[in-house]
């Protein structure tokens, strides 16, 4: 099999070389690249003869997949796969496996880092201190005693719920199908939005979840509530979110995901939204998560070669 790593996935060069030697010892050819392809043409050139592709969040088109006549399997070093044309892969009988679970703790911890930064105004506090100013007029908020609303009770949503409970929050959750979790009160979406002090998103991007949070939903939230999105950008209508923040419909937001991968355009609409923390998609980016991701990606390939594929999403 010709195995091609299309782009870096955070694994150091020594480890990549060991992986290549291992696959070579099994009779396969392993090719890796230490930079992202500069264009679709470059992506196609790298992928053309592959039986198996490894990629992270690099968008790959139907046209590229159609040109890869030998392609049988894609191992995605990411949990979300909305950048992969899944229906076309199904049509071509190409197995797609993701790196399920690699960033559960990383994303959950960033969720709370973001909330604490908003509640305790850490960015403002850092600026004040560095300017030789005081905390005059400052009052933050505590997580303890707040109602924490979780939209999506997958592995990350469940991890977030555990941390919320540890902080002393009451947890509400909305999920497409009910899950038997004693510590969580599962409610409908409208109830969650109305009652929650914090609304945190942990659902995949699908036709059903695109614009799940827009003007109508934002207007249901408390004026003191904050919104956290570490899931996928298009789940929230960013134009409606900007207006809600400017008009104080809600009190703040922490956003790690957008309509496209950062860097964003210099005039991106949320840049001047008040009381908003914007991050360049770092939810998954910890040393521990990246190490686990690399292991899962390679295990996915080995399991598929053995005829026992894992983490298959199509």
Protein backbone atom coordinates (compact mmCIF):
# COMPACT_ATOMS: atom_id res chain seq x y z
CA UNK A 1 0.00 0.00 0.00
CA UNK A 2 1.10 3.55 -0.74
CA UNK A 3 0.45 5.59 2.43
CA UNK A 4 0.72 9.38 2.11
CA UNK A 5 0.79 11.89 4.95
CA UNK A 6 -0.47 14.99 3.10
CA UNK A 7 0.33 17.59 5.75
CA UNK A 8 1.99 17.84 9.18
CA UNK A 9 -0.11 16.48 12.05
CA UNK A 10 2.07 17.67 14.93
CA UNK A 11 4.20 14.52 15.18
CA UNK A 12 7.93 15.24 15.33
CA UNK A 13 10.28 14.20 12.53
CA UNK A 14 11.94 11.37 14.48
CA UNK A 15 8.57 9.79 15.19
CA UNK A 16 7.48 10.16 11.56
CA UNK A 17 10.69 8.45 10.45
CA UNK A 18 10.03 5.56 12.83
CA UNK A 19 6.46 5.26 11.53
CA UNK A 20 7.78 5.20 7.96
CA UNK A 21 10.31 2.47 8.80
CA UNK A 22 7.61 0.41 10.49
CA UNK A 23 5.23 0.58 7.52
CA UNK A 24 8.13 -0.12 5.16
CA UNK A 25 8.92 -3.24 7.19
CA UNK A 26 5.37 -4.41 6.55
CA UNK A 27 5.87 -4.00 2.80
CA UNK A 28 4.16 -0.62 2.42
CA UNK A 29 5.50 2.71 1.17
CA UNK A 30 5.10 5.67 3.54
CA UNK A 31 5.56 9.21 2.21
CA UNK A 32 5.26 12.33 4.37
CA UNK A 33 5.38 16.08 3.81
CA UNK A 34 6.49 18.65 6.38
CA UNK A 35 4.35 21.53 5.06
CA UNK A 36 0.79 22.08 3.95
CA UNK A 37 0.22 21.91 0.19
CA UNK A 38 0.19 25.40 -1.30
CA UNK A 39 -2.72 24.73 -3.66
CA UNK A 40 -5.25 22.18 -4.80
CA UNK A 41 -2.86 21.21 -7.59
CA UNK A 42 -0.14 20.51 -5.02
CA UNK A 43 -2.56 18.47 -2.93
CA UNK A 44 -3.46 16.37 -5.97
CA UNK A 45 0.19 15.88 -6.90
CA UNK A 46 0.94 14.52 -3.42
CA UNK A 47 -2.19 12.35 -3.19
CA UNK A 48 -2.47 11.04 -6.73
CA UNK A 49 -1.03 7.53 -6.26
CA UNK A 50 -2.08 6.97 -2.65
CA UNK A 51 -3.99 3.95 -1.40
CA UNK A 52 -4.27 5.57 2.04
CA UNK A 53 -4.26 9.27 2.87
CA UNK A 54 -3.52 10.89 6.22
CA UNK A 55 -4.58 14.51 6.72
CA UNK A 56 -5.67 16.85 9.48
CA UNK A 57 -7.98 19.78 8.68
CA UNK A 58 -6.83 20.22 5.07
CA UNK A 59 -9.95 20.55 2.88
CA UNK A 60 -10.01 17.90 0.16
CA UNK A 61 -12.37 18.08 -2.80
CA UNK A 62 -14.41 15.51 -4.70
CA UNK A 63 -12.29 16.28 -7.75
CA UNK A 64 -9.08 15.34 -5.95
CA UNK A 65 -10.57 12.14 -4.56
CA UNK A 66 -11.97 11.22 -7.97
CA UNK A 67 -8.47 11.59 -9.46
CA UNK A 68 -6.93 9.29 -6.84
CA UNK A 69 -7.85 6.03 -8.55
CA UNK A 70 -6.17 3.81 -5.93
CA UNK A 71 -7.58 5.54 -2.87
CA UNK A 72 -9.22 3.15 -0.41
CA UNK A 73 -8.92 4.73 3.02
CA UNK A 74 -8.55 8.19 4.64
CA UNK A 75 -7.32 8.53 8.21
CA UNK A 76 -8.27 11.98 9.48
CA UNK A 77 -6.22 13.49 12.30
CA UNK A 78 -9.25 15.38 13.55
CA UNK A 79 -12.56 14.59 15.21
CA UNK A 80 -14.70 16.64 12.83
CA UNK A 81 -14.74 15.65 9.17
CA UNK A 82 -16.86 18.36 7.56
CA UNK A 83 -13.87 19.14 5.31
CA UNK A 84 -14.13 15.67 3.74
CA UNK A 85 -16.80 15.00 1.03
CA UNK A 86 -18.33 12.09 2.88
CA UNK A 87 -21.11 11.25 0.42
CA UNK A 88 -18.59 11.05 -2.39
CA UNK A 89 -16.33 8.82 -0.29
CA UNK A 90 -19.31 6.56 0.36
CA UNK A 91 -20.01 6.42 -3.38
CA UNK A 92 -16.39 5.43 -4.03
CA UNK A 93 -16.32 2.92 -1.13
CA UNK A 94 -13.52 4.84 0.55
CA UNK A 95 -13.34 4.22 4.30
CA UNK A 96 -12.94 7.36 6.42
CA UNK A 97 -11.77 7.06 10.03
CA UNK A 98 -11.34 9.98 12.41
CA UNK A 99 -9.27 10.56 15.53
CA UNK A 100 -12.23 10.18 17.87
CA UNK A 101 -11.56 11.16 21.46
CA UNK A 102 -8.08 12.58 21.10
CA UNK A 103 -8.98 16.11 22.25
CA UNK A 104 -11.77 15.49 24.76
CA UNK A 105 -9.83 16.82 27.74
CA UNK A 106 -8.10 19.58 25.77
CA UNK A 107 -11.35 21.08 24.43
CA UNK A 108 -13.16 20.71 27.75
CA UNK A 109 -10.35 22.48 29.61
CA UNK A 110 -10.23 25.31 27.07
CA UNK A 111 -13.97 25.76 27.51
CA UNK A 112 -13.44 26.53 31.17
CA UNK A 113 -10.33 28.60 30.56
CA UNK A 114 -12.43 30.77 28.25
CA UNK A 115 -15.27 31.09 30.72
CA UNK A 116 -12.96 32.00 33.58
CA UNK A 117 -11.24 34.57 31.38
CA UNK A 118 -14.59 36.19 30.60
CA UNK A 119 -15.91 35.96 34.15
CA UNK A 120 -12.75 37.30 35.79
CA UNK A 121 -11.84 39.67 32.91
CA UNK A 122 -8.32 38.31 32.69
CA UNK A 123 -7.43 40.08 29.45
CA UNK A 124 -8.52 43.41 30.92
CA UNK A 125 -6.71 42.66 34.20
CA UNK A 126 -3.47 41.88 32.40
CA UNK A 127 -3.70 45.13 30.44
CA UNK A 128 -4.47 47.19 33.55
CA UNK A 129 -1.56 45.74 35.49
CA UNK A 130 0.94 46.22 32.65
CA UNK A 131 -0.13 49.87 32.36
CA UNK A 132 0.52 50.46 36.05
CA UNK A 133 -3.20 50.78 36.78
CA UNK A 134 -5.36 49.37 39.56
CA UNK A 135 -8.47 47.18 39.72
CA UNK A 136 -10.72 50.12 40.65
CA UNK A 137 -14.29 49.43 39.56
CA UNK A 138 -13.60 45.75 38.88
CA UNK A 139 -16.00 43.00 39.90
CA UNK A 140 -15.86 39.57 38.33
CA UNK A 141 -18.23 36.63 38.49
CA UNK A 142 -17.96 33.09 39.88
CA UNK A 143 -18.75 29.83 38.17
CA UNK A 144 -20.00 28.33 41.41
CA UNK A 145 -23.79 28.23 41.53
CA UNK A 146 -24.29 29.02 37.85
CA UNK A 147 -26.54 27.06 35.51
CA UNK A 148 -24.35 25.54 32.84
CA UNK A 149 -26.04 24.59 29.56
CA UNK A 150 -24.36 22.02 27.31
CA UNK A 151 -25.57 21.53 23.76
CA UNK A 152 -24.34 18.11 22.64
CA UNK A 153 -23.61 15.23 24.99
CA UNK A 154 -20.88 13.42 23.11
CA UNK A 155 -17.58 12.60 24.78
CA UNK A 156 -16.50 16.25 24.98
CA UNK A 157 -19.90 17.43 26.22
CA UNK A 158 -19.83 14.78 28.94
CA UNK A 159 -16.32 15.79 29.99
CA UNK A 160 -17.46 19.42 30.17
CA UNK A 161 -20.37 18.36 32.37
CA UNK A 162 -18.00 16.68 34.84
CA UNK A 163 -15.89 19.82 35.13
CA UNK A 164 -18.98 22.00 35.47
CA UNK A 165 -20.23 19.86 38.34
CA UNK A 166 -16.79 20.06 39.98
CA UNK A 167 -17.06 23.87 39.82
CA UNK A 168 -20.40 23.67 41.62
CA UNK A 169 -22.65 24.37 38.63
CA UNK A 170 -26.10 23.04 37.92
CA UNK A 171 -25.89 21.28 34.55
CA UNK A 172 -28.56 21.29 31.86
CA UNK A 173 -28.06 19.56 28.53
CA UNK A 174 -29.74 19.28 25.18
CA UNK A 175 -28.92 16.28 23.00
CA UNK A 176 -30.52 14.87 19.88
CA UNK A 177 -31.21 11.60 21.71
CA UNK A 178 -31.57 11.20 25.46
CA UNK A 179 -28.63 9.75 27.37
CA UNK A 180 -28.83 8.08 30.74
CA UNK A 181 -26.58 10.34 32.85
CA UNK A 182 -27.84 10.84 36.39
CA UNK A 183 -25.91 14.04 37.10
CA UNK A 184 -27.33 15.92 34.10
CA UNK A 185 -30.83 17.29 33.65
CA UNK A 186 -31.64 16.87 29.96
CA UNK A 187 -34.07 19.45 28.61
CA UNK A 188 -35.24 20.84 25.28
CA UNK A 189 -33.15 23.50 23.55
CA UNK A 190 -35.51 26.37 24.36
CA UNK A 191 -35.48 25.58 28.08
CA UNK A 192 -31.70 25.31 28.10
CA UNK A 193 -31.27 28.68 26.42
CA UNK A 194 -33.74 30.43 28.71
CA UNK A 195 -32.37 29.02 31.98
CA UNK A 196 -28.59 28.83 31.41
CA UNK A 197 -26.00 31.35 32.58
CA UNK A 198 -23.46 29.71 30.26
CA UNK A 199 -24.25 28.00 26.96
CA UNK A 200 -21.46 25.79 25.59
CA UNK A 201 -21.60 24.12 22.17
CA UNK A 202 -20.31 20.58 21.60
CA UNK A 203 -22.11 19.28 18.51
CA UNK A 204 -20.77 18.36 15.05
CA UNK A 205 -21.52 20.51 12.03
CA UNK A 206 -24.40 19.00 10.06
CA UNK A 207 -27.27 20.35 8.02
CA UNK A 208 -29.33 20.28 11.22
CA UNK A 209 -26.79 22.14 13.38
CA UNK A 210 -25.76 24.84 10.91
CA UNK A 211 -27.04 28.17 12.32
CA UNK A 212 -28.37 26.29 15.33
CA UNK A 213 -27.68 29.44 17.33
CA UNK A 214 -28.94 32.54 15.53
CA UNK A 215 -31.04 35.61 16.34
CA UNK A 216 -34.06 33.73 17.72
CA UNK A 217 -31.96 31.52 20.00
CA UNK A 218 -29.75 34.36 21.21
CA UNK A 219 -32.81 36.39 22.17
CA UNK A 220 -33.97 33.51 24.39
CA UNK A 221 -30.79 33.71 26.47
CA UNK A 222 -30.37 35.76 29.63
CA UNK A 223 -28.86 39.19 29.15
CA UNK A 224 -26.20 38.10 31.67
CA UNK A 225 -25.41 34.85 29.83
CA UNK A 226 -22.30 34.00 27.84
CA UNK A 227 -21.89 31.74 24.80
CA UNK A 228 -18.90 29.44 24.22
CA UNK A 229 -18.26 27.82 20.86
CA UNK A 230 -15.40 25.31 20.63
CA UNK A 231 -17.29 23.05 18.21
CA UNK A 232 -17.65 24.36 14.64
CA UNK A 233 -17.98 27.96 13.47
CA UNK A 234 -21.12 27.76 11.30
CA UNK A 235 -23.14 26.34 14.21
CA UNK A 236 -23.44 29.99 15.30
CA UNK A 237 -24.61 32.73 12.97
CA UNK A 238 -21.73 35.14 13.54
CA UNK A 239 -23.60 38.16 12.16
CA UNK A 240 -26.44 37.59 14.61
CA UNK A 241 -23.94 36.98 17.41
CA UNK A 242 -22.18 40.29 16.75
CA UNK A 243 -25.49 42.17 16.92
CA UNK A 244 -26.49 40.34 20.11
CA UNK A 245 -23.21 41.34 21.75
CA UNK A 246 -23.39 44.93 20.56
CA UNK A 247 -27.00 45.29 21.72
CA UNK A 248 -26.27 43.53 25.04
CA UNK A 249 -28.76 40.76 24.27
CA UNK A 250 -26.14 38.50 25.85
CA UNK A 251 -23.19 39.49 28.02
CA UNK A 252 -20.23 37.87 26.26
CA UNK A 253 -18.82 35.12 24.07
CA UNK A 254 -15.74 32.96 23.69
CA UNK A 255 -15.15 31.67 20.17
CA UNK A 256 -12.49 29.23 18.98
CA UNK A 257 -13.98 28.23 15.60
CA UNK A 258 -15.14 30.16 12.56
CA UNK A 259 -16.54 29.85 9.06
CA UNK A 260 -12.99 29.15 7.90
CA UNK A 261 -9.73 28.24 9.56
CA UNK A 262 -7.69 31.18 10.91
CA UNK A 263 -6.02 33.41 9.92
CA UNK A 264 -9.21 35.40 9.53
CA UNK A 265 -9.74 38.44 7.32
CA UNK A 266 -8.52 41.63 9.00
CA UNK A 267 -12.07 43.03 9.02
CA UNK A 268 -13.72 39.89 10.40
CA UNK A 269 -17.10 40.81 11.87
CA UNK A 270 -16.46 39.67 15.45
CA UNK A 271 -13.19 41.59 15.88
CA UNK A 272 -15.04 44.62 17.23
CA UNK A 273 -17.70 42.71 19.19
CA UNK A 274 -17.64 43.70 22.90
CA UNK A 275 -16.67 41.35 25.73
CA UNK A 276 -15.59 38.64 23.31
CA UNK A 277 -12.59 36.34 23.42
CA UNK A 278 -11.46 35.11 20.00
CA UNK A 279 -8.95 32.27 19.68
CA UNK A 280 -7.30 30.83 16.53
CA UNK A 281 -8.76 27.31 16.85
CA UNK A 282 -6.61 26.05 19.71
CA UNK A 283 -9.13 23.78 21.45
CA UNK A 284 -7.36 20.59 20.40
CA UNK A 285 -3.83 22.02 20.49
CA UNK A 286 -2.11 20.53 23.52
CA UNK A 287 1.01 18.40 23.61
CA UNK A 288 -0.95 15.55 25.16
CA UNK A 289 -3.78 15.66 22.62
CA UNK A 290 -1.46 15.83 19.60
CA UNK A 291 0.53 12.85 20.87
CA UNK A 292 -2.67 10.83 21.31
CA UNK A 293 -3.95 11.96 17.91
CA UNK A 294 -0.86 10.64 16.14
CA UNK A 295 -1.30 7.27 17.80
CA UNK A 296 -4.99 7.03 16.87
CA UNK A 297 -4.32 7.99 13.24
CA UNK A 298 -1.73 5.24 12.80
CA UNK A 299 -3.82 2.71 14.73
CA UNK A 300 -6.74 3.47 12.39
CA UNK A 301 -4.60 2.47 9.41
CA UNK A 302 -3.24 -0.66 11.08
CA UNK A 303 -6.71 -1.79 12.09
CA UNK A 304 -8.00 -1.21 8.56
CA UNK A 305 -5.10 -3.19 7.08
CA UNK A 306 -5.98 -6.02 9.47
CA UNK A 307 -9.58 -5.98 8.23
CA UNK A 308 -10.90 -4.64 11.54
CA UNK A 309 -11.36 -0.89 10.92
CA UNK A 310 -12.02 1.44 13.86
CA UNK A 311 -13.39 4.98 14.24
CA UNK A 312 -15.15 4.63 10.89
CA UNK A 313 -17.56 7.52 10.31
CA UNK A 314 -19.10 6.52 6.98
